[in-house]
Amino acid sequence: MQGKIVAVCTSKNKGERKKNVGEAKLLPGMGLEGDAHAGFMHRQVSLLALESIEKMRQKGLDVHPGDFAENLTTAGIDLPSLPIGTKLKIGEVLMEVSQIGKVCHNRCKIYYQAGDCVMPKEGIFAIVVTGGQVATGDILEVIENV
């Protein structure tokens, strides 16, 4: 199964929308270099499908990649269906799915605008096993589905 990277997004601070920077370096055991959410925890990289963002657009919201604070916006793979432990490959980068969805303790602006938010249900998180560059347009492969 394969898809592609639609956007590579970072932010300087937590709690804000991320901006598509086009390419960045994924650091093993850390996440996206220069991103506020990079760290040694199990949620080093966040991924959200463009298809999920499109669901929010259909509710009338003007939302784009990075607006849900995801690091990697993807297309072509049903991310929330991937089990924890699934291996993902982008070029030389190897990641492992570590969490599906998240608890949204504080309702974000998007939730209040639409009455819903896709990131808590459809976003996934991964740890970086092998680092390297990732860029918009790169192929995302599911290489092992546990």
Protein backbone atom coordinates (compact mmCIF):
# COMPACT_ATOMS: atom_id res chain seq x y z
CA MET A 1 0.00 0.00 0.00
CA GLN A 2 1.36 3.43 -0.83
CA GLY A 3 0.37 7.06 -0.89
CA LYS A 4 2.22 10.34 -0.95
CA ILE A 5 3.25 13.25 1.23
CA VAL A 6 1.14 16.31 0.43
CA ALA A 7 2.67 18.69 3.00
CA VAL A 8 5.51 18.79 5.55
CA CYS A 9 4.46 21.11 8.38
CA THR A 10 6.17 22.62 11.41
CA SER A 11 5.46 25.26 14.04
CA LYS A 12 7.70 27.12 16.46
CA ASN A 13 5.17 26.83 19.33
CA LYS A 14 2.74 24.21 20.58
CA GLY A 15 -0.94 25.02 20.28
CA GLU A 16 -0.74 26.74 16.91
CA ARG A 17 -1.38 25.75 13.32
CA LYS A 18 1.65 24.45 11.47
CA LYS A 19 2.95 25.86 8.19
CA ASN A 20 3.89 23.79 5.16
CA VAL A 21 7.68 24.17 4.85
CA GLY A 22 7.91 21.78 1.89
CA GLU A 23 10.69 19.63 3.34
CA ALA A 24 12.36 18.91 6.65
CA LYS A 25 14.60 16.43 8.38
CA LEU A 26 13.17 13.67 10.54
CA LEU A 27 15.46 12.92 13.47
CA PRO A 28 15.58 9.38 14.91
CA GLY A 29 13.84 9.18 18.27
CA MET A 30 12.81 12.86 18.07
CA GLY A 31 10.57 13.88 15.17
CA LEU A 32 10.68 16.79 12.74
CA GLU A 33 13.73 19.00 13.22
CA GLY A 34 12.71 22.47 14.44
CA ASP A 35 9.12 21.52 15.29
CA ALA A 36 7.67 22.43 18.69
CA HIS A 37 6.31 18.90 19.17
CA ALA A 38 9.61 17.07 18.51
CA GLY A 39 10.73 15.02 21.48
CA PHE A 40 11.49 11.62 22.90
CA MET A 41 7.88 10.65 23.60
CA HIS A 42 5.79 8.23 21.52
CA ARG A 43 4.09 11.02 19.54
CA GLN A 44 7.15 12.27 17.64
CA VAL A 45 5.44 12.77 14.27
CA SER A 46 1.76 13.41 13.60
CA LEU A 47 0.11 12.40 10.33
CA LEU A 48 -3.28 13.33 8.92
CA ALA A 49 -4.73 12.42 5.54
CA LEU A 50 -5.81 15.07 3.06
CA GLU A 51 -9.00 13.03 2.77
CA SER A 52 -9.72 13.84 6.45
CA ILE A 53 -9.11 17.55 5.85
CA GLU A 54 -11.51 17.35 2.91
CA LYS A 55 -14.24 16.10 5.28
CA MET A 56 -13.90 19.35 7.23
CA ARG A 57 -13.95 21.38 4.01
CA GLN A 58 -17.25 19.71 3.15
CA LYS A 59 -18.59 21.11 6.44
CA GLY A 60 -17.82 24.58 5.11
CA LEU A 61 -14.46 25.23 6.74
CA ASP A 62 -11.55 26.86 4.92
CA VAL A 63 -8.86 24.47 6.21
CA HIS A 64 -5.55 23.40 4.71
CA PRO A 65 -2.63 21.08 5.48
CA GLY A 66 -1.08 22.03 8.82
CA ASP A 67 -4.26 23.60 10.20
CA PHE A 68 -4.82 20.56 12.45
CA ALA A 69 -1.21 20.81 13.73
CA GLU A 70 -0.15 17.68 11.84
CA ASN A 71 3.46 17.31 10.73
CA LEU A 72 2.82 15.23 7.62
CA THR A 73 -0.28 15.55 5.49
CA THR A 74 -0.72 12.45 3.35
CA ALA A 75 -2.95 11.24 0.52
CA GLY A 76 -3.95 7.77 -0.60
CA ILE A 77 -3.68 5.78 2.66
CA ASP A 78 -6.44 5.21 5.23
CA LEU A 79 -4.24 6.21 8.18
CA PRO A 80 -6.60 5.40 11.10
CA SER A 81 -6.98 1.82 9.81
CA LEU A 82 -3.25 1.14 10.33
CA PRO A 83 -2.59 -0.83 13.52
CA ILE A 84 -0.08 0.33 16.10
CA GLY A 85 3.31 -1.11 15.15
CA THR A 86 2.80 -0.62 11.40
CA LYS A 87 6.03 0.43 9.66
CA LEU A 88 5.94 3.42 7.30
CA LYS A 89 8.73 4.29 4.86
CA ILE A 90 9.44 7.59 3.12
CA GLY A 91 12.65 7.28 1.13
CA GLU A 92 15.32 6.39 3.70
CA VAL A 93 13.04 7.34 6.62
CA LEU A 94 11.46 4.55 8.65
CA MET A 95 8.68 5.27 11.15
CA GLU A 96 6.50 3.08 13.33
CA VAL A 97 2.87 3.90 14.14
CA SER A 98 2.68 4.48 17.90
CA GLN A 99 -0.83 5.87 18.46
CA ILE A 100 -4.13 6.21 16.59
CA GLY A 101 -6.05 9.37 17.39
CA LYS A 102 -5.74 11.36 20.60
CA VAL A 103 -7.80 12.80 23.40
CA CYS A 104 -8.67 16.43 22.71
CA HIS A 105 -8.76 17.98 26.20
CA ASN A 106 -9.30 21.54 25.02
CA ARG A 107 -11.69 22.08 22.16
CA CYS A 108 -9.84 23.90 19.37
CA LYS A 109 -11.14 26.73 17.21
CA ILE A 110 -11.92 24.26 14.43
CA TYR A 111 -14.13 22.20 16.75
CA TYR A 112 -16.14 25.29 17.67
CA GLN A 113 -16.47 26.37 14.03
CA ALA A 114 -17.58 22.97 12.71
CA GLY A 115 -18.84 21.15 15.78
CA ASP A 116 -16.23 18.49 15.12
CA CYS A 117 -12.50 17.94 14.51
CA VAL A 118 -10.86 15.11 12.58
CA MET A 119 -7.44 15.00 14.24
CA PRO A 120 -8.55 13.25 17.47
CA LYS A 121 -10.25 10.45 15.51
CA GLU A 122 -8.32 10.23 12.24
CA GLY A 123 -4.84 11.54 12.98
CA ILE A 124 -2.08 9.08 13.81
CA PHE A 125 1.28 9.37 15.50
CA ALA A 126 4.60 7.65 14.85
CA ILE A 127 8.10 7.36 16.23
CA VAL A 128 11.10 7.90 13.96
CA VAL A 129 13.20 4.72 13.75
CA THR A 130 15.53 5.85 10.95
CA GLY A 131 15.82 9.54 10.14
CA GLY A 132 16.32 11.44 6.93
CA GLN A 133 14.81 14.09 4.67
CA VAL A 134 11.12 14.14 3.84
CA ALA A 135 9.53 16.42 1.24
CA THR A 136 6.22 17.20 -0.38
CA GLY A 137 5.64 14.72 -3.20
CA ASP A 138 7.58 11.86 -1.57
CA ILE A 139 6.06 8.37 -1.69
CA LEU A 140 4.75 7.02 1.64
CA GLU A 141 4.80 3.22 1.81
CA VAL A 142 3.20 0.90 4.31
CA ILE A 143 5.92 -1.76 4.46
CA GLU A 144 4.66 -3.85 7.34
CA ASN A 145 1.11 -4.10 8.55
CA VAL A 146 1.15 -5.90 11.91
